[in-house]
Amino acid sequence: MKTSDIKKALTKAIANRSYQNLVIHHSDRGLQYCAYDYKETLFNNGILPSMTDGYDCYQNALAERINGILKQEFLLYKC
């Protein structure tokens, strides 16, 4: 995934945001999420970045499982 593509998705999500509560963006330590341009977009929109500790693959597996559950249980339409 390219940083520019990830940033486009983030920008679209921010534009469609319907509330102003605190937002935390959690990700692994992929290069695109660590890129200055991406982190700048987070900070400029009041979004706090959160990343896994180091490179522990088990943390990412847990996060992916939780995301899968959320999509299966709460996603109202197919992407």
Protein backbone atom coordinates (compact mmCIF):
# COMPACT_ATOMS: atom_id res chain seq x y z
CA MET A 1 0.00 0.00 0.00
CA LYS A 2 1.28 3.42 -0.91
CA THR A 3 1.16 6.29 1.58
CA SER A 4 -0.76 8.41 -0.94
CA ASP A 5 -3.52 5.78 -1.17
CA ILE A 6 -3.77 5.43 2.59
CA LYS A 7 -3.90 9.21 2.97
CA LYS A 8 -6.75 9.41 0.39
CA ALA A 9 -8.76 6.91 2.44
CA LEU A 10 -8.06 8.84 5.65
CA THR A 11 -9.05 12.14 4.02
CA LYS A 12 -12.31 10.60 2.77
CA ALA A 13 -13.09 9.21 6.22
CA ILE A 14 -12.44 12.61 7.79
CA ALA A 15 -14.72 14.32 5.24
CA ASN A 16 -17.53 11.86 6.04
CA ARG A 17 -17.07 12.12 9.79
CA SER A 18 -20.36 12.90 11.52
CA TYR A 19 -19.12 13.55 15.05
CA GLN A 20 -16.29 15.44 16.73
CA ASN A 21 -15.41 13.09 19.60
CA LEU A 22 -11.84 12.07 20.31
CA VAL A 23 -10.58 9.69 17.62
CA ILE A 24 -7.67 7.29 17.98
CA HIS A 25 -6.26 5.74 14.82
CA HIS A 26 -4.59 2.41 15.63
CA SER A 27 -2.31 0.69 13.15
CA ASP A 28 0.71 -1.52 12.86
CA ARG A 29 4.07 0.06 12.19
CA GLY A 30 3.78 -0.07 8.42
CA LEU A 31 5.90 2.53 6.62
CA GLN A 32 2.83 4.25 5.19
CA TYR A 33 1.41 4.85 8.68
CA CYS A 34 4.74 6.20 9.94
CA ALA A 35 5.14 8.60 7.00
CA TYR A 36 5.34 12.27 7.93
CA ASP A 37 2.62 13.28 5.45
CA TYR A 38 0.18 10.74 6.91
CA LYS A 39 0.92 11.62 10.53
CA GLU A 40 0.59 15.32 9.71
CA THR A 41 -2.93 14.68 8.37
CA LEU A 42 -3.83 12.87 11.60
CA PHE A 43 -2.55 15.70 13.80
CA ASN A 44 -4.14 18.45 11.67
CA ASN A 45 -7.51 16.78 12.18
CA GLY A 46 -7.17 16.12 15.91
CA ILE A 47 -6.71 12.37 15.51
CA LEU A 48 -4.34 10.62 17.90
CA PRO A 49 -2.10 7.96 16.35
CA SER A 50 -1.61 4.66 18.14
CA MET A 51 0.70 1.87 16.99
CA THR A 52 1.61 -1.60 18.11
CA ASP A 53 4.64 -2.02 20.37
CA GLY A 54 7.63 -2.93 18.27
CA TYR A 55 7.20 -5.65 15.71
CA ASP A 56 5.28 -8.27 17.65
CA CYS A 57 3.25 -10.14 15.03
CA TYR A 58 0.84 -11.43 17.69
CA GLN A 59 -0.35 -7.89 18.47
CA ASN A 60 -1.23 -7.36 14.83
CA ALA A 61 -3.08 -10.69 14.70
CA LEU A 62 -5.21 -9.67 17.68
CA ALA A 63 -6.01 -6.28 16.11
CA GLU A 64 -6.95 -7.95 12.81
CA ARG A 65 -9.24 -10.39 14.62
CA ILE A 66 -11.01 -7.57 16.43
CA ASN A 67 -11.44 -5.70 13.14
CA GLY A 68 -12.89 -8.85 11.58
CA ILE A 69 -15.42 -9.23 14.38
CA LEU A 70 -16.45 -5.57 14.10
CA LYS A 71 -16.94 -5.88 10.33
CA GLN A 72 -18.96 -9.10 10.62
CA GLU A 73 -21.14 -7.95 13.49
CA PHE A 74 -21.60 -4.25 12.88
CA LEU A 75 -20.98 -3.46 9.21
CA LEU A 76 -24.33 -2.40 7.81
CA TYR A 77 -23.44 -2.79 4.13
CA LYS A 78 -20.92 -4.64 1.96
CA CYS A 79 -17.90 -2.60 0.91
